[in-house]
């Protein structure tokens, strides 16, 4: 994968990703697998921390308390 120019802004990265996605649709599958893995890890982490019943609500409170969201 060759860069025409170094991406500097968020828009540059989006354009770069879109152009390369046209060339290699496998990129989408790879990114989806990474995101799915991160979601599963978060569910597991917060489920263990707060129990499985209301972990989403408690996880949001926890992250807001640490100014992460």
N, C-alpha and C. Protein backbone atom coordinates (compact mmCIF):
# COMPACT_ATOMS: atom_id res chain seq x y z
N UNK A 1 0.85 -1.17 0.00
CA UNK A 1 0.00 0.00 0.00
C UNK A 1 0.90 1.24 0.00
N UNK A 2 0.79 2.02 -1.04
CA UNK A 2 1.59 3.23 -1.16
C UNK A 2 0.75 4.45 -0.80
N UNK A 3 1.35 5.37 -0.09
CA UNK A 3 0.69 6.62 0.26
C UNK A 3 0.97 7.67 -0.80
N UNK A 4 -0.09 8.30 -1.29
CA UNK A 4 0.08 9.41 -2.22
C UNK A 4 0.58 10.63 -1.45
N UNK A 5 0.04 10.79 -0.26
CA UNK A 5 0.49 11.84 0.65
C UNK A 5 0.22 11.36 2.07
N UNK A 6 0.92 11.93 3.02
CA UNK A 6 0.74 11.53 4.41
C UNK A 6 -0.56 12.15 4.93
N UNK A 7 -1.49 11.29 5.44
CA UNK A 7 -2.74 11.84 6.00
C UNK A 7 -2.45 12.73 7.21
N UNK A 8 -3.08 13.90 7.24
CA UNK A 8 -2.85 14.83 8.34
C UNK A 8 -4.12 15.11 9.13
N UNK A 9 -5.26 15.05 8.48
CA UNK A 9 -6.51 15.36 9.16
C UNK A 9 -7.37 14.09 9.22
N UNK A 10 -8.42 14.14 10.02
CA UNK A 10 -9.34 13.01 10.08
C UNK A 10 -9.93 12.72 8.71
N UNK A 11 -10.24 13.78 7.98
CA UNK A 11 -10.81 13.62 6.64
C UNK A 11 -9.83 12.90 5.71
N UNK A 12 -8.54 13.22 5.83
CA UNK A 12 -7.53 12.55 5.02
C UNK A 12 -7.52 11.05 5.29
N UNK A 13 -7.65 10.68 6.58
CA UNK A 13 -7.65 9.26 6.94
C UNK A 13 -8.90 8.56 6.41
N UNK A 14 -10.04 9.23 6.45
CA UNK A 14 -11.28 8.64 5.93
C UNK A 14 -11.15 8.41 4.42
N UNK A 15 -10.65 9.39 3.72
CA UNK A 15 -10.46 9.27 2.27
C UNK A 15 -9.47 8.15 1.96
N UNK A 16 -8.38 8.11 2.70
CA UNK A 16 -7.36 7.07 2.52
C UNK A 16 -7.97 5.68 2.73
N UNK A 17 -8.76 5.53 3.80
CA UNK A 17 -9.39 4.24 4.09
C UNK A 17 -10.37 3.87 2.98
N UNK A 18 -11.20 4.82 2.55
CA UNK A 18 -12.20 4.55 1.51
C UNK A 18 -11.53 4.14 0.19
N UNK A 19 -10.46 4.82 -0.17
CA UNK A 19 -9.76 4.49 -1.41
C UNK A 19 -9.16 3.08 -1.34
N UNK A 20 -8.58 2.75 -0.20
CA UNK A 20 -7.97 1.44 -0.05
C UNK A 20 -9.02 0.34 0.12
N UNK A 21 -10.17 0.68 0.64
CA UNK A 21 -11.26 -0.28 0.77
C UNK A 21 -11.77 -0.70 -0.61
N UNK A 22 -11.77 0.24 -1.56
CA UNK A 22 -12.17 -0.10 -2.93
C UNK A 22 -11.21 -1.12 -3.53
N UNK A 23 -9.93 -0.94 -3.25
CA UNK A 23 -8.89 -1.82 -3.79
C UNK A 23 -8.88 -3.17 -3.07
N UNK A 24 -9.07 -3.14 -1.74
CA UNK A 24 -8.96 -4.35 -0.93
C UNK A 24 -10.12 -4.44 0.06
N UNK A 25 -11.25 -5.06 -0.33
CA UNK A 25 -12.39 -5.17 0.57
C UNK A 25 -12.09 -5.97 1.84
N UNK A 26 -11.01 -6.69 1.86
CA UNK A 26 -10.61 -7.47 3.04
C UNK A 26 -10.34 -6.55 4.23
N UNK A 27 -9.98 -5.29 3.97
CA UNK A 27 -9.73 -4.33 5.06
C UNK A 27 -10.95 -4.19 5.96
N UNK A 28 -12.14 -4.13 5.37
CA UNK A 28 -13.36 -3.99 6.16
C UNK A 28 -13.52 -5.19 7.09
N UNK A 29 -13.30 -6.38 6.57
CA UNK A 29 -13.43 -7.59 7.38
C UNK A 29 -12.44 -7.56 8.55
N UNK A 30 -11.22 -7.14 8.28
CA UNK A 30 -10.19 -7.07 9.33
C UNK A 30 -10.59 -6.07 10.42
N UNK A 31 -11.05 -4.89 10.01
CA UNK A 31 -11.44 -3.87 10.99
C UNK A 31 -12.66 -4.31 11.78
N UNK A 32 -13.60 -4.97 11.11
CA UNK A 32 -14.80 -5.46 11.79
C UNK A 32 -14.41 -6.49 12.86
N UNK A 33 -13.48 -7.37 12.55
CA UNK A 33 -13.02 -8.37 13.52
C UNK A 33 -12.37 -7.70 14.73
N UNK A 34 -11.59 -6.67 14.49
CA UNK A 34 -10.94 -5.94 15.59
C UNK A 34 -11.99 -5.27 16.47
N UNK A 35 -12.94 -4.60 15.85
CA UNK A 35 -13.98 -3.90 16.61
C UNK A 35 -14.83 -4.89 17.39
N UNK A 36 -15.21 -6.00 16.74
CA UNK A 36 -16.01 -7.03 17.43
C UNK A 36 -15.26 -7.59 18.64
N UNK A 37 -13.96 -7.78 18.48
CA UNK A 37 -13.14 -8.29 19.58
C UNK A 37 -13.10 -7.29 20.74
N UNK A 38 -12.99 -5.99 20.42
CA UNK A 38 -12.98 -4.96 21.46
C UNK A 38 -14.32 -4.89 22.18
N UNK A 39 -15.41 -5.05 21.44
CA UNK A 39 -16.75 -5.03 22.05
C UNK A 39 -16.90 -6.21 23.00
N UNK A 40 -16.48 -7.40 22.57
CA UNK A 40 -16.58 -8.59 23.42
C UNK A 40 -15.74 -8.42 24.68
N UNK A 41 -14.55 -7.85 24.53
CA UNK A 41 -13.68 -7.62 25.70
C UNK A 41 -14.31 -6.65 26.68
N UNK A 42 -14.90 -5.58 26.15
CA UNK A 42 -15.56 -4.59 27.02
C UNK A 42 -16.74 -5.19 27.75
N UNK A 43 -17.54 -5.99 27.04
CA UNK A 43 -18.68 -6.64 27.66
C UNK A 43 -18.21 -7.57 28.78
N UNK A 44 -17.16 -8.31 28.52
CA UNK A 44 -16.62 -9.22 29.53
C UNK A 44 -16.08 -8.45 30.73
N UNK A 45 -15.29 -7.41 30.48
CA UNK A 45 -14.69 -6.63 31.56
C UNK A 45 -15.76 -6.00 32.45
N UNK A 46 -16.70 -5.27 31.82
CA UNK A 46 -17.71 -4.57 32.61
C UNK A 46 -18.74 -5.54 33.18
N UNK A 47 -18.99 -6.64 32.50
CA UNK A 47 -19.88 -7.66 33.05
C UNK A 47 -19.30 -8.24 34.33
N UNK A 48 -17.99 -8.47 34.34
CA UNK A 48 -17.33 -8.99 35.54
C UNK A 48 -17.27 -7.93 36.65
N UNK A 49 -17.11 -6.67 36.27
CA UNK A 49 -17.01 -5.60 37.28
C UNK A 49 -18.35 -5.32 37.94
N UNK A 50 -19.43 -5.31 37.14
CA UNK A 50 -20.72 -4.82 37.64
C UNK A 50 -21.83 -5.86 37.60
N UNK A 51 -21.53 -7.07 37.22
CA UNK A 51 -22.58 -8.07 37.07
C UNK A 51 -23.22 -7.92 35.70
N UNK A 52 -23.90 -8.95 35.28
CA UNK A 52 -24.42 -8.96 33.91
C UNK A 52 -25.77 -8.28 33.75
N UNK A 53 -26.44 -7.93 34.85
CA UNK A 53 -27.80 -7.40 34.73
C UNK A 53 -27.82 -5.97 34.16
N UNK A 54 -27.21 -5.03 34.82
CA UNK A 54 -27.22 -3.63 34.39
C UNK A 54 -25.82 -3.10 34.12
N UNK A 55 -24.97 -3.94 33.57
CA UNK A 55 -23.58 -3.53 33.42
C UNK A 55 -23.41 -2.36 32.46
N UNK A 56 -24.29 -2.20 31.47
CA UNK A 56 -24.14 -1.09 30.52
C UNK A 56 -24.32 0.24 31.22
N UNK A 57 -25.32 0.35 32.05
CA UNK A 57 -25.57 1.59 32.80
C UNK A 57 -24.41 1.88 33.74
N UNK A 58 -24.00 0.86 34.48
CA UNK A 58 -22.89 1.02 35.43
C UNK A 58 -21.58 1.32 34.71
N UNK A 59 -21.36 0.72 33.57
CA UNK A 59 -20.13 0.97 32.80
C UNK A 59 -20.09 2.43 32.33
N UNK A 60 -21.23 2.95 31.88
CA UNK A 60 -21.27 4.36 31.45
C UNK A 60 -20.97 5.29 32.62
N UNK A 61 -21.56 5.00 33.78
CA UNK A 61 -21.29 5.82 34.97
C UNK A 61 -19.80 5.78 35.32
N UNK A 62 -19.23 4.59 35.27
CA UNK A 62 -17.81 4.40 35.58
C UNK A 62 -16.93 5.21 34.62
N UNK A 63 -17.21 5.10 33.31
CA UNK A 63 -16.40 5.80 32.31
C UNK A 63 -16.59 7.31 32.40
N UNK A 64 -17.82 7.77 32.67
CA UNK A 64 -18.06 9.20 32.83
C UNK A 64 -17.34 9.72 34.06
N UNK A 65 -17.35 8.93 35.14
CA UNK A 65 -16.65 9.32 36.36
C UNK A 65 -15.16 9.50 36.16
N UNK A 66 -14.61 8.79 35.21
CA UNK A 66 -13.17 8.89 34.89
C UNK A 66 -12.93 9.79 33.68
N UNK A 67 -14.00 10.48 33.25
CA UNK A 67 -13.95 11.42 32.13
C UNK A 67 -13.39 10.81 30.85
N UNK A 68 -13.83 9.56 30.59
CA UNK A 68 -13.42 8.87 29.38
C UNK A 68 -14.49 8.93 28.30
N UNK A 69 -15.72 9.31 28.69
CA UNK A 69 -16.80 9.53 27.71
C UNK A 69 -17.54 10.79 28.09
